[in-house]
N, C-alpha and C. Protein backbone atom coordinates (compact mmCIF):
# COMPACT_ATOMS: atom_id res chain seq x y z
N MET A 1 -8.39 2.59 29.75
CA MET A 1 -7.91 2.17 28.83
C MET A 1 -9.10 2.16 27.84
N PRO A 2 -9.20 3.33 26.88
CA PRO A 2 -10.57 2.86 25.67
C PRO A 2 -11.01 2.05 25.11
N VAL A 3 -12.15 1.70 24.53
CA VAL A 3 -12.50 0.39 24.13
C VAL A 3 -13.55 0.81 22.88
N ILE A 4 -12.94 0.43 21.76
CA ILE A 4 -13.80 1.54 20.58
C ILE A 4 -14.81 -0.03 20.34
N GLU A 5 -15.43 -0.04 18.92
CA GLU A 5 -16.52 -1.27 19.39
C GLU A 5 -16.50 -1.51 17.48
N TYR A 6 -16.44 -2.16 17.21
CA TYR A 6 -16.97 -1.83 15.38
C TYR A 6 -17.22 -3.64 14.71
N GLY A 7 -18.44 -3.39 14.32
CA GLY A 7 -19.15 -4.63 13.56
C GLY A 7 -19.13 -5.90 14.59
N GLY A 8 -19.07 -5.97 15.98
CA GLY A 8 -18.91 -6.65 16.79
C GLY A 8 -17.71 -7.70 17.48
N VAL A 9 -16.91 -6.02 17.11
CA VAL A 9 -15.33 -6.68 17.57
C VAL A 9 -15.27 -5.63 18.79
N LYS A 10 -15.05 -5.87 19.31
CA LYS A 10 -13.70 -4.52 20.90
C LYS A 10 -12.83 -4.15 20.07
N ILE A 11 -12.18 -3.18 20.34
CA ILE A 11 -11.13 -2.99 19.57
C ILE A 11 -10.07 -2.28 21.30
N LYS A 12 -8.97 -2.71 21.85
CA LYS A 12 -8.91 -1.46 22.73
C LYS A 12 -7.86 -0.48 22.29
N LEU A 13 -7.48 0.57 22.86
CA LEU A 13 -6.56 1.66 22.48
C LEU A 13 -5.83 2.23 23.65
N ASP A 14 -5.05 2.91 23.31
CA ASP A 14 -4.39 3.47 24.21
C ASP A 14 -5.15 4.98 24.56
N GLU A 15 -4.79 5.82 25.36
CA GLU A 15 -5.30 7.02 25.25
C GLU A 15 -4.94 7.61 24.05
N GLU A 16 -4.23 7.74 23.48
CA GLU A 16 -3.71 8.50 21.83
C GLU A 16 -4.65 7.82 20.62
N GLY A 17 -5.32 6.51 20.99
CA GLY A 17 -5.48 6.35 19.84
C GLY A 17 -4.64 5.24 18.83
N TYR A 18 -4.03 4.26 19.58
CA TYR A 18 -3.38 3.34 19.08
C TYR A 18 -3.99 2.49 19.52
N LEU A 19 -3.37 0.79 19.19
CA LEU A 19 -4.16 0.02 19.02
C LEU A 19 -2.92 -0.76 20.01
N VAL A 20 -3.74 -1.23 21.47
CA VAL A 20 -2.83 -1.86 22.53
C VAL A 20 -2.33 -2.84 21.94
N ASN A 21 -2.84 -3.67 21.66
CA ASN A 21 -2.38 -5.00 20.82
C ASN A 21 -2.05 -5.19 19.56
N PHE A 22 -1.05 -5.38 18.64
CA PHE A 22 -0.62 -5.17 17.28
C PHE A 22 -1.19 -6.75 17.21
N ASP A 23 -1.26 -7.98 17.94
CA ASP A 23 -1.89 -9.05 17.11
C ASP A 23 -3.65 -8.80 17.08
N ASP A 24 -3.54 -8.06 17.66
CA ASP A 24 -5.34 -7.49 17.57
C ASP A 24 -6.05 -7.29 15.68
N TRP A 25 -4.66 -6.93 15.09
CA TRP A 25 -5.00 -6.29 14.30
C TRP A 25 -5.95 -7.44 13.00
N SER A 26 -7.21 -6.49 12.83
CA SER A 26 -7.56 -7.06 11.06
C SER A 26 -7.87 -6.39 10.19
N GLU A 27 -8.52 -6.69 9.09
CA GLU A 27 -9.28 -5.37 8.10
C GLU A 27 -10.41 -5.42 8.57
N LYS A 28 -10.91 -5.72 9.46
CA LYS A 28 -11.95 -5.35 10.70
C LYS A 28 -11.88 -4.65 11.62
N THR A 29 -10.67 -4.64 12.15
CA THR A 29 -10.22 -3.58 13.17
C THR A 29 -9.97 -2.43 12.70
N ALA A 30 -8.72 -2.77 11.54
CA ALA A 30 -8.40 -1.59 10.57
C ALA A 30 -9.84 -0.92 10.56
N CYS A 31 -10.99 -1.29 9.87
CA CYS A 31 -12.27 -0.44 9.52
C CYS A 31 -12.37 0.63 11.08
N GLY A 32 -12.86 -0.12 12.01
CA GLY A 32 -13.21 0.21 13.46
C GLY A 32 -12.19 1.76 13.48
N LEU A 33 -10.72 0.88 13.27
CA LEU A 33 -9.92 2.28 13.73
C LEU A 33 -10.02 3.61 13.13
N ALA A 34 -10.11 3.32 11.70
CA ALA A 34 -10.39 4.65 10.72
C ALA A 34 -12.03 5.11 11.00
N GLU A 35 -12.85 4.63 11.17
CA GLU A 35 -13.99 5.42 11.88
C GLU A 35 -13.79 6.27 12.86
N ASN A 36 -12.64 5.47 13.83
CA ASN A 36 -12.22 6.17 15.12
C ASN A 36 -11.42 7.34 14.82
N GLU A 37 -10.46 7.45 14.06
CA GLU A 37 -9.81 8.71 13.30
C GLU A 37 -10.65 9.34 12.01
N GLY A 38 -12.10 9.56 12.46
CA GLY A 38 -12.55 10.21 11.32
C GLY A 38 -12.50 9.82 9.47
N ILE A 39 -12.45 8.86 9.77
CA ILE A 39 -12.05 8.16 7.73
C ILE A 39 -13.56 6.94 7.65
N GLU A 40 -14.38 7.46 6.75
CA GLU A 40 -15.42 6.51 6.97
C GLU A 40 -15.46 5.43 5.85
N GLU A 41 -14.32 5.50 5.15
CA GLU A 41 -14.13 4.08 4.09
C GLU A 41 -12.42 4.25 4.37
N LEU A 42 -12.63 2.31 4.01
CA LEU A 42 -11.18 2.52 3.72
C LEU A 42 -10.55 1.66 2.45
N SER A 43 -10.89 2.44 1.52
CA SER A 43 -10.75 2.06 0.26
C SER A 43 -9.73 1.14 -0.25
N LYS A 44 -9.46 0.62 -1.32
CA LYS A 44 -8.76 -0.72 -1.35
C LYS A 44 -7.55 0.03 -1.60
N ASP A 45 -7.11 1.41 -2.14
CA ASP A 45 -6.11 2.09 -2.27
C ASP A 45 -5.45 2.56 -0.57
N ARG A 46 -6.62 2.42 0.09
CA ARG A 46 -5.85 3.08 1.44
C ARG A 46 -5.43 1.57 2.74
N LEU A 47 -6.12 0.51 1.63
CA LEU A 47 -5.95 -0.37 2.58
C LEU A 47 -5.04 -1.55 2.26
N GLU A 48 -3.73 -1.37 0.96
CA GLU A 48 -3.11 -1.21 0.23
C GLU A 48 -1.77 -0.59 1.02
N ILE A 49 -2.09 0.76 1.16
CA ILE A 49 -1.05 1.23 2.02
C ILE A 49 -1.15 0.78 3.39
N ILE A 50 -1.82 0.14 4.24
CA ILE A 50 -1.78 0.05 5.54
C ILE A 50 -1.07 -1.42 5.61
N LYS A 51 -2.04 -2.06 4.89
CA LYS A 51 -1.52 -3.29 4.82
C LYS A 51 0.60 -3.57 4.67
N PHE A 52 0.98 -2.25 3.64
CA PHE A 52 2.50 -2.02 3.38
C PHE A 52 3.18 -2.23 4.67
N MET A 53 2.34 -0.77 5.26
CA MET A 53 2.90 -0.33 6.68
C MET A 53 3.42 -1.53 7.72
N ARG A 54 2.16 -2.53 7.63
CA ARG A 54 2.12 -3.63 8.52
C ARG A 54 2.84 -4.51 8.37
N GLU A 55 3.38 -5.02 6.99
CA GLU A 55 4.25 -5.27 6.81
C GLU A 55 5.92 -5.44 6.51
N TYR A 56 5.60 -4.09 6.59
CA TYR A 56 7.26 -3.67 6.30
C TYR A 56 7.59 -3.33 8.12
N TYR A 57 6.64 -2.76 9.08
CA TYR A 57 6.92 -3.07 10.14
C TYR A 57 6.94 -3.99 10.95
N THR A 58 6.32 -4.88 10.69
CA THR A 58 6.63 -6.30 11.25
C THR A 58 8.28 -6.85 10.64
N LYS A 59 8.50 -6.80 9.67
CA LYS A 59 9.68 -6.87 9.12
C LYS A 59 11.21 -6.74 9.56
N PHE A 60 10.90 -5.35 9.52
CA PHE A 60 12.21 -4.22 9.80
C PHE A 60 11.74 -3.63 11.32
N LYS A 61 10.81 -4.04 12.10
CA LYS A 61 10.51 -3.41 12.97
C LYS A 61 10.81 -1.55 13.25
N ALA A 62 10.17 -0.76 12.07
CA ALA A 62 10.76 0.47 12.12
C ALA A 62 9.52 0.58 11.14
N PHE A 63 9.68 1.88 11.15
CA PHE A 63 8.40 2.77 10.30
C PHE A 63 9.05 2.78 9.03
N PRO A 64 8.39 2.84 7.89
CA PRO A 64 8.51 2.96 6.76
C PRO A 64 8.57 4.39 6.03
N ILE A 65 9.59 4.77 5.50
CA ILE A 65 9.76 6.02 5.30
C ILE A 65 8.03 6.02 4.45
N LEU A 66 7.74 7.56 4.03
CA LEU A 66 6.30 7.65 3.63
C LEU A 66 6.33 7.20 1.80
N GLY A 67 7.84 7.38 1.19
CA GLY A 67 8.62 8.11 -0.21
C GLY A 67 7.76 6.45 -0.49
N ALA A 68 8.94 5.77 0.45
CA ALA A 68 8.82 4.37 0.46
C ALA A 68 7.30 3.37 0.52
N VAL A 69 6.61 4.10 1.19
CA VAL A 69 5.35 3.09 1.31
C VAL A 69 5.16 3.61 -0.36
N CYS A 70 4.42 4.26 -0.68
CA CYS A 70 4.32 4.47 -1.73
C CYS A 70 4.79 4.29 -3.14
N LYS A 71 5.63 3.83 -3.09
CA LYS A 71 7.08 3.66 -4.29
C LYS A 71 6.58 2.06 -4.08
N ASN A 72 6.47 1.28 -3.29
CA ASN A 72 6.43 -0.42 -2.88
C ASN A 72 4.35 -0.28 -3.25
N VAL A 73 4.07 0.27 -3.01
CA VAL A 73 2.30 0.12 -3.79
C VAL A 73 2.15 0.93 -4.58
N HIS A 74 3.26 1.07 -5.07
CA HIS A 74 2.47 1.63 -6.98
C HIS A 74 2.13 2.71 -6.46
N LYS A 75 2.74 3.61 -6.15
CA LYS A 75 1.79 5.25 -6.44
C LYS A 75 2.27 6.30 -6.47
N PRO A 76 1.80 7.65 -6.65
CA PRO A 76 2.78 8.77 -6.32
C PRO A 76 3.42 8.66 -4.90
N GLY A 77 4.57 9.83 -5.02
CA GLY A 77 5.11 9.84 -3.97
C GLY A 77 4.39 10.50 -2.82
N ASP A 78 3.57 11.01 -2.84
CA ASP A 78 2.77 11.48 -0.99
C ASP A 78 1.56 11.08 -1.27
N CYS A 79 1.64 9.65 -1.82
CA CYS A 79 0.11 8.80 -1.31
C CYS A 79 -0.45 8.87 0.04
N VAL A 80 0.74 8.79 0.90
CA VAL A 80 0.03 8.44 1.95
C VAL A 80 -0.57 9.75 2.81
N ASN A 81 0.40 10.80 2.27
CA ASN A 81 -0.89 12.33 2.46
C ASN A 81 -2.13 12.08 2.08
N GLU A 82 -1.84 12.58 0.46
CA GLU A 82 -3.28 12.72 -0.57
C GLU A 82 -4.10 11.36 -0.34
N THR A 83 -4.16 10.47 0.21
CA THR A 83 -4.70 9.29 0.31
C THR A 83 -5.71 9.57 1.87
N PHE A 84 -4.86 9.85 3.26
CA PHE A 84 -5.25 10.15 4.70
C PHE A 84 -4.70 11.52 5.59
N MET A 85 -4.55 12.41 4.45
CA MET A 85 -4.34 13.38 4.83
C MET A 85 -3.74 13.71 5.91
N ASP A 86 -3.51 12.84 6.57
CA ASP A 86 -2.31 12.66 8.30
C ASP A 86 -2.09 11.29 7.81
N PRO A 87 -0.63 11.34 8.13
CA PRO A 87 0.47 9.92 7.83
C PRO A 87 0.34 9.56 9.10
N LEU A 88 -0.37 10.09 10.56
CA LEU A 88 -0.14 9.60 11.54
C LEU A 88 -1.67 8.85 12.00
N LYS A 89 -2.46 8.68 11.04
CA LYS A 89 -3.99 8.28 10.89
C LYS A 89 -3.53 7.27 10.32
N ALA A 90 -3.06 6.83 9.72
CA ALA A 90 -2.44 5.51 8.78
C ALA A 90 -2.10 4.85 9.28
N TRP A 91 -0.95 5.09 10.31
CA TRP A 91 -0.10 4.52 11.82
C TRP A 91 -1.19 3.73 12.42
N LYS A 92 -2.07 4.70 13.28
CA LYS A 92 -3.31 4.13 14.00
C LYS A 92 -3.94 2.70 13.01
N ILE A 93 -4.55 3.34 12.03
CA ILE A 93 -5.20 2.35 11.40
C ILE A 93 -4.85 1.25 10.99
N ALA A 94 -3.15 1.32 11.22
CA ALA A 94 -2.51 0.18 10.27
C ALA A 94 -2.07 -0.70 11.72
N GLY A 95 -2.64 0.13 12.80
CA GLY A 95 -2.29 -1.18 14.15
C GLY A 95 -0.70 -1.00 14.93
N LEU A 96 -0.08 0.18 14.64
CA LEU A 96 1.09 0.24 14.84
C LEU A 96 1.61 0.78 16.26
N PRO A 97 2.67 0.68 17.00
CA PRO A 97 2.76 0.76 17.75
C PRO A 97 2.75 2.70 17.92
N LYS A 98 2.45 3.47 19.14
CA LYS A 98 2.69 4.85 19.19
C LYS A 98 4.34 5.46 18.46
N PRO A 99 4.78 6.12 17.59
CA PRO A 99 6.27 6.05 16.91
C PRO A 99 7.09 7.40 17.77
N SER A 100 7.54 7.09 17.86
CA SER A 100 8.73 8.00 18.59
C SER A 100 8.49 9.63 18.35
N GLU A 101 8.73 10.45 19.17
CA GLU A 101 8.64 11.65 19.19
C GLU A 101 9.36 12.44 17.68
N GLU A 102 10.27 11.35 17.24
CA GLU A 102 11.16 11.80 16.40
C GLU A 102 10.25 11.42 15.12
N VAL A 103 9.87 10.21 14.89
CA VAL A 103 9.24 10.39 13.91
C VAL A 103 7.97 10.92 13.60
N ILE A 104 7.33 10.97 15.20
CA ILE A 104 6.41 11.81 14.90
C ILE A 104 6.59 13.10 14.65
N SER A 105 7.72 13.74 15.10
CA SER A 105 7.76 15.51 14.31
C SER A 105 8.11 15.48 12.66
N TYR A 106 8.38 13.98 12.14
CA TYR A 106 9.01 14.02 10.66
C TYR A 106 8.03 14.08 9.45
N LEU A 107 6.71 12.77 10.30
CA LEU A 107 5.60 13.13 10.08
C LEU A 107 4.58 13.75 9.98
N GLN A 108 4.92 15.34 11.29
CA GLN A 108 4.04 16.34 10.95
C GLN A 108 4.70 18.00 10.28
N ARG A 109 5.83 17.00 9.42
CA ARG A 109 6.73 18.38 8.93
C ARG A 109 5.44 19.25 7.24
């Protein structure tokens, strides 16, 4: 199991870079996950998207539809793609578990 370190915090990941323990997530962890995904900075807009995704997943135990993410954070309809380029990176940074193959297919369209 890979472990990365960011700001003195050790972050356990699975083989594909997803956070092992959902409850280990924090804004600091998110910064480490972002760096691991090649994203240098978590801007206010990016963090807002990430937090919404976590809240949605916590409440519904499902992955939010990308358009709903953008609508709920009051951003343009394609904000996840525009902000992160790859929605799977946003999922990983949000500390969400690996999505099903169906969700991955949807995100890669």
